[in-house]
């Protein structure tokens, strides 16, 4: 799971350049949660985003870096409608 969580849905990630469902499901789930945590966390190089801003950013990564179906499910579990407030 950890080895492949930097693979991107569109095939541009690493270490193997896996694409879509070639990426193991646990790694795809972990990637969504890891990105969510990074967006909401204050870091030395960036402020934390609000949940609304993080949701918009997560949606912008769906189909590129992240599995779009898992992003939608994640937002539903978090109690956020993936279609509301989209830019």
PDB file of N, CA and C in Angstrom:
ATOM      1  N   UNK A   1       0.825  -1.184   0.000  1.00  0.00           N
ATOM      2  CA  UNK A   1       0.000   0.000   0.000  1.00  0.00           C
ATOM      3  C   UNK A   1       0.877   1.258   0.000  1.00  0.00           C
ATOM      4  N   UNK A   2       1.824   1.317   0.890  1.00  0.00           N
ATOM      5  CA  UNK A   2       2.674   2.506   0.976  1.00  0.00           C
ATOM      6  C   UNK A   2       3.539   2.649  -0.270  1.00  0.00           C
ATOM      7  N   UNK A   3       4.027   1.551  -0.802  1.00  0.00           N
ATOM      8  CA  UNK A   3       4.887   1.592  -1.988  1.00  0.00           C
ATOM      9  C   UNK A   3       4.195   2.257  -3.168  1.00  0.00           C
ATOM     10  N   UNK A   4       2.904   2.016  -3.342  1.00  0.00           N
ATOM     11  CA  UNK A   4       2.207   2.476  -4.534  1.00  0.00           C
ATOM     12  C   UNK A   4       1.301   3.694  -4.326  1.00  0.00           C
ATOM     13  N   UNK A   5       1.304   4.307  -3.149  1.00  0.00           N
ATOM     14  CA  UNK A   5       0.360   5.412  -2.938  1.00  0.00           C
ATOM     15  C   UNK A   5       0.762   6.696  -3.665  1.00  0.00           C
ATOM     16  N   UNK A   6       1.921   6.725  -4.288  1.00  0.00           N
ATOM     17  CA  UNK A   6       2.311   7.865  -5.118  1.00  0.00           C
ATOM     18  C   UNK A   6       2.087   7.599  -6.613  1.00  0.00           C
ATOM     19  N   UNK A   7       1.484   6.460  -6.928  1.00  0.00           N
ATOM     20  CA  UNK A   7       1.062   6.218  -8.305  1.00  0.00           C
ATOM     21  C   UNK A   7      -0.151   7.108  -8.566  1.00  0.00           C
ATOM     22  N   UNK A   8      -0.282   7.607  -9.787  1.00  0.00           N
ATOM     23  CA  UNK A   8      -1.399   8.492 -10.125  1.00  0.00           C
ATOM     24  C   UNK A   8      -2.370   7.792 -11.053  1.00  0.00           C
ATOM     25  N   UNK A   9      -3.635   8.090 -10.883  1.00  0.00           N
ATOM     26  CA  UNK A   9      -4.707   7.499 -11.689  1.00  0.00           C
ATOM     27  C   UNK A   9      -4.406   7.601 -13.182  1.00  0.00           C
ATOM     28  N   UNK A  10      -3.806   8.737 -13.590  1.00  0.00           N
ATOM     29  CA  UNK A  10      -3.524   8.949 -15.018  1.00  0.00           C
ATOM     30  C   UNK A  10      -2.199   8.336 -15.474  1.00  0.00           C
ATOM     31  N   UNK A  11      -1.489   7.644 -14.596  1.00  0.00           N
ATOM     32  CA  UNK A  11      -0.259   6.956 -14.955  1.00  0.00           C
ATOM     33  C   UNK A  11       1.016   7.772 -14.809  1.00  0.00           C
ATOM     34  N   UNK A  12       0.914   8.996 -14.287  1.00  0.00           N
ATOM     35  CA  UNK A  12       2.081   9.867 -14.192  1.00  0.00           C
ATOM     36  C   UNK A  12       2.833   9.758 -12.860  1.00  0.00           C
ATOM     37  N   UNK A  13       2.406   8.863 -11.990  1.00  0.00           N
ATOM     38  CA  UNK A  13       3.049   8.754 -10.677  1.00  0.00           C
ATOM     39  C   UNK A  13       4.259   7.841 -10.679  1.00  0.00           C
ATOM     40  N   UNK A  14       4.671   7.459  -9.492  1.00  0.00           N
ATOM     41  CA  UNK A  14       5.843   6.599  -9.328  1.00  0.00           C
ATOM     42  C   UNK A  14       5.594   5.629  -8.181  1.00  0.00           C
ATOM     43  N   UNK A  15       6.313   4.535  -8.071  1.00  0.00           N
ATOM     44  CA  UNK A  15       7.583   4.202  -8.694  1.00  0.00           C
ATOM     45  C   UNK A  15       7.468   3.447 -10.021  1.00  0.00           C
ATOM     46  N   UNK A  16       6.302   2.902 -10.373  1.00  0.00           N
ATOM     47  CA  UNK A  16       6.211   2.056 -11.563  1.00  0.00           C
ATOM     48  C   UNK A  16       5.380   2.655 -12.686  1.00  0.00           C
ATOM     49  N   UNK A  17       4.794   3.820 -12.483  1.00  0.00           N
ATOM     50  CA  UNK A  17       3.960   4.416 -13.523  1.00  0.00           C
ATOM     51  C   UNK A  17       2.663   3.653 -13.764  1.00  0.00           C
ATOM     52  N   UNK A  18       2.136   3.032 -12.701  1.00  0.00           N
ATOM     53  CA  UNK A  18       0.877   2.304 -12.832  1.00  0.00           C
ATOM     54  C   UNK A  18      -0.250   3.290 -13.105  1.00  0.00           C
ATOM     55  N   UNK A  19      -1.313   2.795 -13.744  1.00  0.00           N
ATOM     56  CA  UNK A  19      -2.423   3.657 -14.154  1.00  0.00           C
ATOM     57  C   UNK A  19      -3.750   3.021 -13.752  1.00  0.00           C
ATOM     58  N   UNK A  20      -4.704   3.857 -13.327  1.00  0.00           N
ATOM     59  CA  UNK A  20      -6.053   3.395 -13.041  1.00  0.00           C
ATOM     60  C   UNK A  20      -6.082   2.217 -12.090  1.00  0.00           C
ATOM     61  N   UNK A  21      -6.848   1.196 -12.484  1.00  0.00           N
ATOM     62  CA  UNK A  21      -7.018   0.044 -11.614  1.00  0.00           C
ATOM     63  C   UNK A  21      -5.811  -0.883 -11.565  1.00  0.00           C
ATOM     64  N   UNK A  22      -4.735  -0.551 -12.293  1.00  0.00           N
ATOM     65  CA  UNK A  22      -3.475  -1.281 -12.107  1.00  0.00           C
ATOM     66  C   UNK A  22      -2.917  -1.001 -10.712  1.00  0.00           C
ATOM     67  N   UNK A  23      -3.251   0.155 -10.162  1.00  0.00           N
ATOM     68  CA  UNK A  23      -2.806   0.537  -8.820  1.00  0.00           C
ATOM     69  C   UNK A  23      -3.626  -0.271  -7.820  1.00  0.00           C
ATOM     70  N   UNK A  24      -2.976  -0.955  -6.887  1.00  0.00           N
ATOM     71  CA  UNK A  24      -3.730  -1.743  -5.913  1.00  0.00           C
ATOM     72  C   UNK A  24      -4.739  -0.867  -5.146  1.00  0.00           C
ATOM     73  N   UNK A  25      -5.934  -1.419  -4.930  1.00  0.00           N
ATOM     74  CA  UNK A  25      -7.003  -0.676  -4.269  1.00  0.00           C
ATOM     75  C   UNK A  25      -6.566  -0.070  -2.932  1.00  0.00           C
ATOM     76  N   UNK A  26      -5.887  -0.810  -2.043  1.00  0.00           N
ATOM     77  CA  UNK A  26      -5.487  -0.190  -0.777  1.00  0.00           C
ATOM     78  C   UNK A  26      -4.601   1.053  -0.979  1.00  0.00           C
ATOM     79  N   UNK A  27      -3.758   1.036  -1.993  1.00  0.00           N
ATOM     80  CA  UNK A  27      -2.903   2.198  -2.275  1.00  0.00           C
ATOM     81  C   UNK A  27      -3.731   3.368  -2.784  1.00  0.00           C
ATOM     82  N   UNK A  28      -4.753   3.098  -3.582  1.00  0.00           N
ATOM     83  CA  UNK A  28      -5.625   4.171  -4.086  1.00  0.00           C
ATOM     84  C   UNK A  28      -6.418   4.801  -2.949  1.00  0.00           C
ATOM     85  N   UNK A  29      -6.893   3.974  -2.019  1.00  0.00           N
ATOM     86  CA  UNK A  29      -7.614   4.492  -0.850  1.00  0.00           C
ATOM     87  C   UNK A  29      -6.670   5.326   0.003  1.00  0.00           C
ATOM     88  N   UNK A  30      -5.487   4.784   0.269  1.00  0.00           N
ATOM     89  CA  UNK A  30      -4.505   5.492   1.089  1.00  0.00           C
ATOM     90  C   UNK A  30      -4.139   6.833   0.465  1.00  0.00           C
ATOM     91  N   UNK A  31      -4.013   6.888  -0.851  1.00  0.00           N
ATOM     92  CA  UNK A  31      -3.656   8.133  -1.540  1.00  0.00           C
ATOM     93  C   UNK A  31      -4.695   9.219  -1.284  1.00  0.00           C
ATOM     94  N   UNK A  32      -5.979   8.867  -1.367  1.00  0.00           N
ATOM     95  CA  UNK A  32      -7.038   9.855  -1.127  1.00  0.00           C
ATOM     96  C   UNK A  32      -6.957  10.379   0.307  1.00  0.00           C
ATOM     97  N   UNK A  33      -6.822   9.487   1.261  1.00  0.00           N
ATOM     98  CA  UNK A  33      -6.757   9.886   2.672  1.00  0.00           C
ATOM     99  C   UNK A  33      -5.490  10.691   2.949  1.00  0.00           C
ATOM    100  N   UNK A  34      -4.379  10.301   2.364  1.00  0.00           N
ATOM    101  CA  UNK A  34      -3.109  11.003   2.554  1.00  0.00           C
ATOM    102  C   UNK A  34      -3.184  12.421   2.001  1.00  0.00           C
ATOM    103  N   UNK A  35      -3.758  12.589   0.819  1.00  0.00           N
ATOM    104  CA  UNK A  35      -3.902  13.919   0.238  1.00  0.00           C
ATOM    105  C   UNK A  35      -4.829  14.772   1.104  1.00  0.00           C
ATOM    106  N   UNK A  36      -5.944  14.197   1.546  1.00  0.00           N
ATOM    107  CA  UNK A  36      -6.888  14.925   2.406  1.00  0.00           C
ATOM    108  C   UNK A  36      -6.180  15.431   3.657  1.00  0.00           C
ATOM    109  N   UNK A  37      -5.428  14.543   4.297  1.00  0.00           N
ATOM    110  CA  UNK A  37      -4.690  14.928   5.508  1.00  0.00           C
ATOM    111  C   UNK A  37      -3.686  16.032   5.208  1.00  0.00           C
ATOM    112  N   UNK A  38      -2.968  15.921   4.106  1.00  0.00           N
ATOM    113  CA  UNK A  38      -1.967  16.937   3.743  1.00  0.00           C
ATOM    114  C   UNK A  38      -2.635  18.287   3.482  1.00  0.00           C
ATOM    115  N   UNK A  39      -3.794  18.280   2.837  1.00  0.00           N
ATOM    116  CA  UNK A  39      -4.483  19.540   2.547  1.00  0.00           C
ATOM    117  C   UNK A  39      -4.971  20.231   3.816  1.00  0.00           C
ATOM    118  N   UNK A  40      -5.416  19.448   4.785  1.00  0.00           N
ATOM    119  CA  UNK A  40      -5.956  20.025   6.020  1.00  0.00           C
ATOM    120  C   UNK A  40      -4.892  20.332   7.066  1.00  0.00           C
ATOM    121  N   UNK A  41      -3.661  19.905   6.831  1.00  0.00           N
ATOM    122  CA  UNK A  41      -2.590  20.072   7.821  1.00  0.00           C
ATOM    123  C   UNK A  41      -1.728  21.289   7.515  1.00  0.00           C
ATOM    124  N   UNK A  42      -1.442  22.036   8.567  1.00  0.00           N
ATOM    125  CA  UNK A  42      -0.501  23.144   8.446  1.00  0.00           C
ATOM    126  C   UNK A  42       0.896  22.541   8.336  1.00  0.00           C
ATOM    127  N   UNK A  43       1.652  23.036   7.407  1.00  0.00           N
ATOM    128  CA  UNK A  43       3.028  22.584   7.216  1.00  0.00           C
ATOM    129  C   UNK A  43       3.936  23.806   7.259  1.00  0.00           C
ATOM    130  N   UNK A  44       5.210  23.594   7.383  1.00  0.00           N
ATOM    131  CA  UNK A  44       6.167  24.709   7.413  1.00  0.00           C
ATOM    132  C   UNK A  44       6.115  25.518   6.128  1.00  0.00           C
ATOM    133  N   UNK A  45       5.733  24.882   5.040  1.00  0.00           N
ATOM    134  CA  UNK A  45       5.739  25.529   3.729  1.00  0.00           C
ATOM    135  C   UNK A  45       4.356  25.962   3.244  1.00  0.00           C
ATOM    136  N   UNK A  46       3.284  25.687   4.042  1.00  0.00           N
ATOM    137  CA  UNK A  46       1.944  26.090   3.611  1.00  0.00           C
ATOM    138  C   UNK A  46       0.975  26.083   4.786  1.00  0.00           C
ATOM    139  N   UNK A  47      -0.050  26.920   4.709  1.00  0.00           N
ATOM    140  CA  UNK A  47      -1.089  26.873   5.749  1.00  0.00           C
ATOM    141  C   UNK A  47      -2.055  25.718   5.484  1.00  0.00           C
ATOM    142  N   UNK A  48      -2.811  25.350   6.496  1.00  0.00           N
ATOM    143  CA  UNK A  48      -3.860  24.351   6.322  1.00  0.00           C
ATOM    144  C   UNK A  48      -5.004  24.973   5.520  1.00  0.00           C
ATOM    145  N   UNK A  49      -5.646  24.167   4.692  1.00  0.00           N
ATOM    146  CA  UNK A  49      -6.820  24.627   3.957  1.00  0.00           C
ATOM    147  C   UNK A  49      -8.081  24.376   4.788  1.00  0.00           C
ATOM    148  N   UNK A  50      -9.124  25.124   4.526  1.00  0.00           N
ATOM    149  CA  UNK A  50     -10.429  24.834   5.114  1.00  0.00           C
ATOM    150  C   UNK A  50     -10.955  23.547   4.486  1.00  0.00           C
ATOM    151  N   UNK A  51     -11.960  22.943   5.107  1.00  0.00           N
ATOM    152  CA  UNK A  51     -12.530  21.727   4.524  1.00  0.00           C
ATOM    153  C   UNK A  51     -13.138  22.006   3.153  1.00  0.00           C
ATOM    154  N   UNK A  52     -13.769  23.153   2.973  1.00  0.00           N
ATOM    155  CA  UNK A  52     -14.344  23.475   1.658  1.00  0.00           C
ATOM    156  C   UNK A  52     -13.254  23.601   0.600  1.00  0.00           C
ATOM    157  N   UNK A  53     -12.180  24.294   0.927  1.00  0.00           N
ATOM    158  CA  UNK A  53     -11.075  24.452  -0.025  1.00  0.00           C
ATOM    159  C   UNK A  53     -10.402  23.110  -0.294  1.00  0.00           C
ATOM    160  N   UNK A  54     -10.260  22.287   0.737  1.00  0.00           N
ATOM    161  CA  UNK A  54      -9.653  20.963   0.568  1.00  0.00           C
ATOM    162  C   UNK A  54     -10.532  20.082  -0.313  1.00  0.00           C
ATOM    163  N   UNK A  55     -11.854  20.163  -0.157  1.00  0.00           N
ATOM    164  CA  UNK A  55     -12.765  19.385  -0.982  1.00  0.00           C
ATOM    165  C   UNK A  55     -12.622  19.778  -2.452  1.00  0.00           C
ATOM    166  N   UNK A  56     -12.552  21.072  -2.707  1.00  0.00           N
ATOM    167  CA  UNK A  56     -12.393  21.551  -4.086  1.00  0.00           C
ATOM    168  C   UNK A  56     -11.067  21.056  -4.672  1.00  0.00           C
ATOM    169  N   UNK A  57     -10.011  21.119  -3.885  1.00  0.00           N
ATOM    170  CA  UNK A  57      -8.695  20.658  -4.346  1.00  0.00           C
ATOM    171  C   UNK A  57      -8.707  19.150  -4.592  1.00  0.00           C
ATOM    172  N   UNK A  58      -9.329  18.400  -3.685  1.00  0.00           N
ATOM    173  CA  UNK A  58      -9.423  16.949  -3.860  1.00  0.00           C
ATOM    174  C   UNK A  58     -10.178  16.623  -5.150  1.00  0.00           C
ATOM    175  N   UNK A  59     -11.276  17.322  -5.393  1.00  0.00           N
ATOM    176  CA  UNK A  59     -12.054  17.104  -6.612  1.00  0.00           C
ATOM    177  C   UNK A  59     -11.239  17.437  -7.861  1.00  0.00           C
ATOM    178  N   UNK A  60     -10.363  18.437  -7.764  1.00  0.00           N
ATOM    179  CA  UNK A  60      -9.548  18.794  -8.928  1.00  0.00           C
ATOM    180  C   UNK A  60      -8.530  17.704  -9.264  1.00  0.00           C
ATOM    181  N   UNK A  61      -8.199  16.862  -8.293  1.00  0.00           N
ATOM    182  CA  UNK A  61      -7.247  15.776  -8.502  1.00  0.00           C
ATOM    183  C   UNK A  61      -7.916  14.484  -8.958  1.00  0.00           C
ATOM    184  N   UNK A  62      -9.244  14.409  -8.841  1.00  0.00           N
ATOM    185  CA  UNK A  62      -9.983  13.203  -9.226  1.00  0.00           C
ATOM    186  C   UNK A  62      -9.852  12.986 -10.729  1.00  0.00           C
ATOM    187  N   UNK A  63      -9.435  11.782 -11.099  1.00  0.00           N
ATOM    188  CA  UNK A  63      -9.245  11.449 -12.503  1.00  0.00           C
ATOM    189  C   UNK A  63      -7.863  11.797 -13.017  1.00  0.00           C
ATOM    190  N   UNK A  64      -7.094  12.523 -12.239  1.00  0.00           N
ATOM    191  CA  UNK A  64      -5.710  12.840 -12.598  1.00  0.00           C
ATOM    192  C   UNK A  64      -4.792  12.080 -11.653  1.00  0.00           C
ATOM    193  N   UNK A  65      -4.679  12.564 -10.433  1.00  0.00           N
ATOM    194  CA  UNK A  65      -3.842  11.887  -9.448  1.00  0.00           C
ATOM    195  C   UNK A  65      -4.601  10.810  -8.685  1.00  0.00           C
ATOM    196  N   UNK A  66      -5.895  11.020  -8.483  1.00  0.00           N
ATOM    197  CA  UNK A  66      -6.671  10.150  -7.604  1.00  0.00           C
ATOM    198  C   UNK A  66      -7.804   9.448  -8.345  1.00  0.00           C
ATOM    199  N   UNK A  67      -8.169   8.279  -7.842  1.00  0.00           N
ATOM    200  CA  UNK A  67      -9.283   7.497  -8.369  1.00  0.00           C
ATOM    201  C   UNK A  67     -10.567   8.312  -8.176  1.00  0.00           C
ATOM    202  N   UNK A  68     -11.230   8.703  -9.258  1.00  0.00           N
ATOM    203  CA  UNK A  68     -12.400   9.572  -9.124  1.00  0.00           C
ATOM    204  C   UNK A  68     -13.548   8.927  -8.346  1.00  0.00           C
ATOM    205  N   UNK A  69     -13.731   7.634  -8.478  1.00  0.00           N
ATOM    206  CA  UNK A  69     -14.784   6.950  -7.724  1.00  0.00           C
ATOM    207  C   UNK A  69     -14.509   6.957  -6.240  1.00  0.00           C
ATOM    208  N   UNK A  70     -13.245   6.768  -5.873  1.00  0.00           N
ATOM    209  CA  UNK A  70     -12.891   6.775  -4.450  1.00  0.00           C
ATOM    210  C   UNK A  70     -12.983   8.176  -3.855  1.00  0.00           C
ATOM    211  N   UNK A  71     -12.663   9.198  -4.636  1.00  0.00           N
ATOM    212  CA  UNK A  71     -12.818  10.578  -4.150  1.00  0.00           C
ATOM    213  C   UNK A  71     -14.293  10.832  -3.841  1.00  0.00           C
ATOM    214  N   UNK A  72     -15.175  10.410  -4.729  1.00  0.00           N
ATOM    215  CA  UNK A  72     -16.612  10.611  -4.514  1.00  0.00           C
ATOM    216  C   UNK A  72     -17.086   9.879  -3.264  1.00  0.00           C
ATOM    217  N   UNK A  73     -16.672   8.619  -3.109  1.00  0.00           N
ATOM    218  CA  UNK A  73     -17.061   7.844  -1.926  1.00  0.00           C
ATOM    219  C   UNK A  73     -16.498   8.485  -0.665  1.00  0.00           C
ATOM    220  N   UNK A  74     -15.247   8.898  -0.704  1.00  0.00           N
ATOM    221  CA  UNK A  74     -14.621   9.524   0.458  1.00  0.00           C
ATOM    222  C   UNK A  74     -15.407  10.759   0.886  1.00  0.00           C
ATOM    223  N   UNK A  75     -15.767  11.604  -0.060  1.00  0.00           N
ATOM    224  CA  UNK A  75     -16.508  12.817   0.284  1.00  0.00           C
ATOM    225  C   UNK A  75     -17.900  12.491   0.825  1.00  0.00           C
ATOM    226  N   UNK A  76     -18.511  11.438   0.330  1.00  0.00           N
ATOM    227  CA  UNK A  76     -19.802  11.019   0.880  1.00  0.00           C
ATOM    228  C   UNK A  76     -19.642  10.541   2.321  1.00  0.00           C
ATOM    229  N   UNK A  77     -18.601   9.770   2.589  1.00  0.00           N
ATOM    230  CA  UNK A  77     -18.341   9.289   3.945  1.00  0.00           C
ATOM    231  C   UNK A  77     -18.062  10.462   4.877  1.00  0.00           C
ATOM    232  N   UNK A  78     -17.375  11.468   4.367  1.00  0.00           N
ATOM    233  CA  UNK A  78     -17.067  12.664   5.157  1.00  0.00           C
ATOM    234  C   UNK A  78     -18.291  13.575   5.317  1.00  0.00           C
ATOM    235  N   UNK A  79     -19.398  13.216   4.655  1.00  0.00           N
ATOM    236  CA  UNK A  79     -20.610  14.010   4.760  1.00  0.00           C
ATOM    237  C   UNK A  79     -20.626  15.212   3.844  1.00  0.00           C
ATOM    238  N   UNK A  80     -19.830  15.161   2.786  1.00  0.00           N
ATOM    239  CA  UNK A  80     -19.759  16.266   1.825  1.00  0.00           C
ATOM    240  C   UNK A  80     -20.251  15.776   0.477  1.00  0.00           C
ATOM    241  N   UNK A  81     -21.090  16.566  -0.153  1.00  0.00           N
ATOM    242  CA  UNK A  81     -21.565  16.229  -1.483  1.00  0.00           C
ATOM    243  C   UNK A  81     -20.493  16.643  -2.484  1.00  0.00           C
ATOM    244  N   UNK A  82     -20.004  15.697  -3.272  1.00  0.00           N
ATOM    245  CA  UNK A  82     -18.925  16.007  -4.220  1.00  0.00           C
ATOM    246  C   UNK A  82     -19.353  16.966  -5.309  1.00  0.00           C
ATOM    247  N   UNK A  83     -20.653  17.133  -5.501  1.00  0.00           N
ATOM    248  CA  UNK A  83     -21.136  18.007  -6.570  1.00  0.00           C
ATOM    249  C   UNK A  83     -21.498  19.405  -6.066  1.00  0.00           C
ATOM    250  N   UNK A  84     -21.623  19.581  -4.778  1.00  0.00           N
ATOM    251  CA  UNK A  84     -21.980  20.891  -4.220  1.00  0.00           C
ATOM    252  C   UNK A  84     -20.761  21.790  -4.157  1.00  0.00           C
ATOM    253  N   UNK A  85     -20.949  23.049  -4.456  1.00  0.00           N
ATOM    254  CA  UNK A  85     -19.922  24.073  -4.319  1.00  0.00           C
ATOM    255  C   UNK A  85     -18.705  23.850  -5.212  1.00  0.00           C
ATOM    256  N   UNK A  86     -18.859  23.135  -6.311  1.00  0.00           N
ATOM    257  CA  UNK A  86     -17.720  22.962  -7.201  1.00  0.00           C
ATOM    258  C   UNK A  86     -17.502  24.225  -8.002  1.00  0.00           C
ATOM    259  N   UNK A  87     -16.251  24.541  -8.284  1.00  0.00           N
ATOM    260  CA  UNK A  87     -15.967  25.799  -9.020  1.00  0.00           C
ATOM    261  C   UNK A  87     -16.431  25.723 -10.457  1.00  0.00           C
TER     262      UNK A  87
END
